């Protein structure tokens, strides 16, 4: 993976992961965790900007997932950035046998690391 630029699909997936974290986190805390200023993070979120391999790796690190999961689109998958539910799961419906209320299909928590959460449960 090193030494090559991201494909168009990988850039789309990396941007989606970045926007997911930005929606679920306080921008100042996310910027600090990514090693960016708030202004640089705001610029990186702009549609005209290209998300590169380095930023994708930082996003994966902050999210606690593998870079391959971010680049393939497996993370955040169908996870809703606003409500934190996996796609198609009603907030009142019981979780399926393969997932729990705190765990998504990838076996990871539905929320970003606690230090990025903007004041607890959404």
C-alpha atoms as a PDB file:
ATOM      1  CA  UNK A   1       0.000   0.000   0.000  1.00  0.00           C
ATOM      2  CA  UNK A   2       2.855   2.387   0.552  1.00  0.00           C
ATOM      3  CA  UNK A   3       4.191   4.309  -2.381  1.00  0.00           C
ATOM      4  CA  UNK A   4       0.973   4.587  -4.369  1.00  0.00           C
ATOM      5  CA  UNK A   5      -1.799   7.125  -4.385  1.00  0.00           C
ATOM      6  CA  UNK A   6      -5.361   6.253  -3.493  1.00  0.00           C
ATOM      7  CA  UNK A   7      -7.803   5.129  -6.147  1.00  0.00           C
ATOM      8  CA  UNK A   8     -10.950   7.166  -6.721  1.00  0.00           C
ATOM      9  CA  UNK A   9     -13.027   4.655  -4.735  1.00  0.00           C
ATOM     10  CA  UNK A  10     -10.537   4.679  -1.842  1.00  0.00           C
ATOM     11  CA  UNK A  11     -10.645   8.496  -1.753  1.00  0.00           C
ATOM     12  CA  UNK A  12     -14.453   8.390  -1.576  1.00  0.00           C
ATOM     13  CA  UNK A  13     -14.352   5.877   1.290  1.00  0.00           C
ATOM     14  CA  UNK A  14     -11.668   7.839   3.166  1.00  0.00           C
ATOM     15  CA  UNK A  15     -13.684  11.069   2.793  1.00  0.00           C
ATOM     16  CA  UNK A  16     -16.806   9.311   4.084  1.00  0.00           C
ATOM     17  CA  UNK A  17     -14.895   8.067   7.137  1.00  0.00           C
ATOM     18  CA  UNK A  18     -13.511  11.560   7.791  1.00  0.00           C
ATOM     19  CA  UNK A  19     -16.965  13.124   7.494  1.00  0.00           C
ATOM     20  CA  UNK A  20     -18.392  10.415   9.750  1.00  0.00           C
ATOM     21  CA  UNK A  21     -15.871  11.236  12.489  1.00  0.00           C
ATOM     22  CA  UNK A  22     -16.443  14.965  12.020  1.00  0.00           C
ATOM     23  CA  UNK A  23     -20.208  14.489  12.430  1.00  0.00           C
ATOM     24  CA  UNK A  24     -19.799  12.386  15.586  1.00  0.00           C
ATOM     25  CA  UNK A  25     -17.023  14.396  17.254  1.00  0.00           C
ATOM     26  CA  UNK A  26     -16.224  17.886  18.447  1.00  0.00           C
ATOM     27  CA  UNK A  27     -14.153  19.455  15.655  1.00  0.00           C
ATOM     28  CA  UNK A  28     -11.471  20.795  18.000  1.00  0.00           C
ATOM     29  CA  UNK A  29     -10.965  17.390  19.622  1.00  0.00           C
ATOM     30  CA  UNK A  30     -10.978  15.577  16.300  1.00  0.00           C
ATOM     31  CA  UNK A  31      -8.511  18.052  14.805  1.00  0.00           C
ATOM     32  CA  UNK A  32      -6.179  17.544  17.765  1.00  0.00           C
ATOM     33  CA  UNK A  33      -6.465  13.753  17.522  1.00  0.00           C
ATOM     34  CA  UNK A  34      -5.700  13.897  13.781  1.00  0.00           C
ATOM     35  CA  UNK A  35      -2.738  16.219  14.357  1.00  0.00           C
ATOM     36  CA  UNK A  36      -4.391  19.065  12.440  1.00  0.00           C
ATOM     37  CA  UNK A  37      -5.574  22.555  13.229  1.00  0.00           C
ATOM     38  CA  UNK A  38      -9.321  23.159  13.189  1.00  0.00           C
ATOM     39  CA  UNK A  39      -8.900  25.251  10.025  1.00  0.00           C
ATOM     40  CA  UNK A  40      -6.949  22.444   8.321  1.00  0.00           C
ATOM     41  CA  UNK A  41      -9.673  19.961   9.310  1.00  0.00           C
ATOM     42  CA  UNK A  42     -12.372  22.252   7.922  1.00  0.00           C
ATOM     43  CA  UNK A  43     -10.432  22.525   4.666  1.00  0.00           C
ATOM     44  CA  UNK A  44      -9.921  18.745   4.521  1.00  0.00           C
ATOM     45  CA  UNK A  45     -13.698  18.277   4.802  1.00  0.00           C
ATOM     46  CA  UNK A  46     -14.341  20.476   1.761  1.00  0.00           C
ATOM     47  CA  UNK A  47     -15.591  18.568  -1.305  1.00  0.00           C
ATOM     48  CA  UNK A  48     -12.922  20.172  -3.484  1.00  0.00           C
ATOM     49  CA  UNK A  49     -10.107  18.724  -1.366  1.00  0.00           C
ATOM     50  CA  UNK A  50      -8.527  15.345  -2.037  1.00  0.00           C
ATOM     51  CA  UNK A  51      -8.182  13.012   0.943  1.00  0.00           C
ATOM     52  CA  UNK A  52      -4.748  11.435   0.745  1.00  0.00           C
ATOM     53  CA  UNK A  53      -3.237   8.276   2.177  1.00  0.00           C
ATOM     54  CA  UNK A  54      -1.704  10.065   5.174  1.00  0.00           C
ATOM     55  CA  UNK A  55      -5.011  11.598   6.289  1.00  0.00           C
ATOM     56  CA  UNK A  56      -6.812   8.297   5.668  1.00  0.00           C
ATOM     57  CA  UNK A  57      -4.261   6.560   7.914  1.00  0.00           C
ATOM     58  CA  UNK A  58      -4.798   9.160  10.636  1.00  0.00           C
ATOM     59  CA  UNK A  59      -8.576   8.747  10.388  1.00  0.00           C
ATOM     60  CA  UNK A  60      -8.213   4.970  10.718  1.00  0.00           C
ATOM     61  CA  UNK A  61      -5.910   5.377  13.714  1.00  0.00           C
ATOM     62  CA  UNK A  62      -8.270   7.761  15.514  1.00  0.00           C
ATOM     63  CA  UNK A  63     -11.251   5.516  14.754  1.00  0.00           C
ATOM     64  CA  UNK A  64      -9.357   2.477  16.018  1.00  0.00           C
ATOM     65  CA  UNK A  65      -9.820   0.510  12.798  1.00  0.00           C
ATOM     66  CA  UNK A  66      -7.490  -0.836  10.131  1.00  0.00           C
ATOM     67  CA  UNK A  67      -6.591   1.425   7.224  1.00  0.00           C
ATOM     68  CA  UNK A  68      -7.839  -1.318   4.890  1.00  0.00           C
ATOM     69  CA  UNK A  69     -11.302  -1.071   6.509  1.00  0.00           C
ATOM     70  CA  UNK A  70     -11.418   2.676   5.844  1.00  0.00           C
ATOM     71  CA  UNK A  71     -10.163   2.396   2.262  1.00  0.00           C
ATOM     72  CA  UNK A  72     -12.515  -0.469   1.396  1.00  0.00           C
ATOM     73  CA  UNK A  73     -15.536   1.323   2.854  1.00  0.00           C
ATOM     74  CA  UNK A  74     -16.098  -1.384   5.480  1.00  0.00           C
ATOM     75  CA  UNK A  75     -15.819   1.335   8.136  1.00  0.00           C
ATOM     76  CA  UNK A  76     -18.019   3.175   8.921  1.00  0.00           C
ATOM     77  CA  UNK A  77     -20.160   0.984   6.657  1.00  0.00           C
ATOM     78  CA  UNK A  78     -23.884   1.632   7.122  1.00  0.00           C
ATOM     79  CA  UNK A  79     -23.395   3.337  10.473  1.00  0.00           C
ATOM     80  CA  UNK A  80     -25.420   6.544  10.717  1.00  0.00           C
ATOM     81  CA  UNK A  81     -23.224   9.460  11.847  1.00  0.00           C
ATOM     82  CA  UNK A  82     -26.170  11.180  13.526  1.00  0.00           C
ATOM     83  CA  UNK A  83     -27.904   8.438  15.490  1.00  0.00           C
ATOM     84  CA  UNK A  84     -25.118   5.850  15.701  1.00  0.00           C
ATOM     85  CA  UNK A  85     -27.273   2.977  14.481  1.00  0.00           C
ATOM     86  CA  UNK A  86     -26.321   0.500  11.798  1.00  0.00           C
ATOM     87  CA  UNK A  87     -28.309   0.841   8.562  1.00  0.00           C
ATOM     88  CA  UNK A  88     -31.831  -0.482   8.710  1.00  0.00           C
ATOM     89  CA  UNK A  89     -31.854  -0.992  12.487  1.00  0.00           C
ATOM     90  CA  UNK A  90     -34.693   0.799  14.230  1.00  0.00           C
ATOM     91  CA  UNK A  91     -33.845   2.437  17.572  1.00  0.00           C
ATOM     92  CA  UNK A  92     -36.727   0.473  19.136  1.00  0.00           C
ATOM     93  CA  UNK A  93     -36.167  -2.859  17.368  1.00  0.00           C
ATOM     94  CA  UNK A  94     -34.211  -5.532  19.236  1.00  0.00           C
ATOM     95  CA  UNK A  95     -30.687  -6.057  17.889  1.00  0.00           C
ATOM     96  CA  UNK A  96     -30.070  -9.036  15.641  1.00  0.00           C
ATOM     97  CA  UNK A  97     -28.235 -12.113  16.856  1.00  0.00           C
ATOM     98  CA  UNK A  98     -25.044 -10.988  15.114  1.00  0.00           C
ATOM     99  CA  UNK A  99     -24.917  -7.556  16.758  1.00  0.00           C
ATOM    100  CA  UNK A 100     -25.627  -5.993  20.111  1.00  0.00           C
ATOM    101  CA  UNK A 101     -26.713  -2.482  20.985  1.00  0.00           C
ATOM    102  CA  UNK A 102     -23.083  -1.537  21.677  1.00  0.00           C
ATOM    103  CA  UNK A 103     -21.477  -3.420  18.830  1.00  0.00           C
ATOM    104  CA  UNK A 104     -21.817  -3.172  15.074  1.00  0.00           C
ATOM    105  CA  UNK A 105     -21.265  -5.850  12.447  1.00  0.00           C
ATOM    106  CA  UNK A 106     -17.511  -5.218  12.473  1.00  0.00           C
ATOM    107  CA  UNK A 107     -17.352  -5.976  16.187  1.00  0.00           C
ATOM    108  CA  UNK A 108     -16.568  -2.366  17.000  1.00  0.00           C
ATOM    109  CA  UNK A 109     -18.415   0.155  19.119  1.00  0.00           C
ATOM    110  CA  UNK A 110     -20.964   2.343  17.358  1.00  0.00           C
ATOM    111  CA  UNK A 111     -19.248   5.489  18.574  1.00  0.00           C
ATOM    112  CA  UNK A 112     -15.775   6.914  18.082  1.00  0.00           C
ATOM    113  CA  UNK A 113     -13.300   6.766  20.977  1.00  0.00           C
ATOM    114  CA  UNK A 114     -14.650   8.333  24.175  1.00  0.00           C
ATOM    115  CA  UNK A 115     -12.177  11.206  24.093  1.00  0.00           C
ATOM    116  CA  UNK A 116     -13.732  12.359  20.804  1.00  0.00           C
ATOM    117  CA  UNK A 117     -17.363  12.080  21.832  1.00  0.00           C
ATOM    118  CA  UNK A 118     -18.977  15.466  22.126  1.00  0.00           C
ATOM    119  CA  UNK A 119     -20.609  15.210  25.508  1.00  0.00           C
ATOM    120  CA  UNK A 120     -21.817  11.642  25.819  1.00  0.00           C
ATOM    121  CA  UNK A 121     -24.692   9.854  24.163  1.00  0.00           C
ATOM    122  CA  UNK A 122     -26.256  11.517  21.108  1.00  0.00           C
END
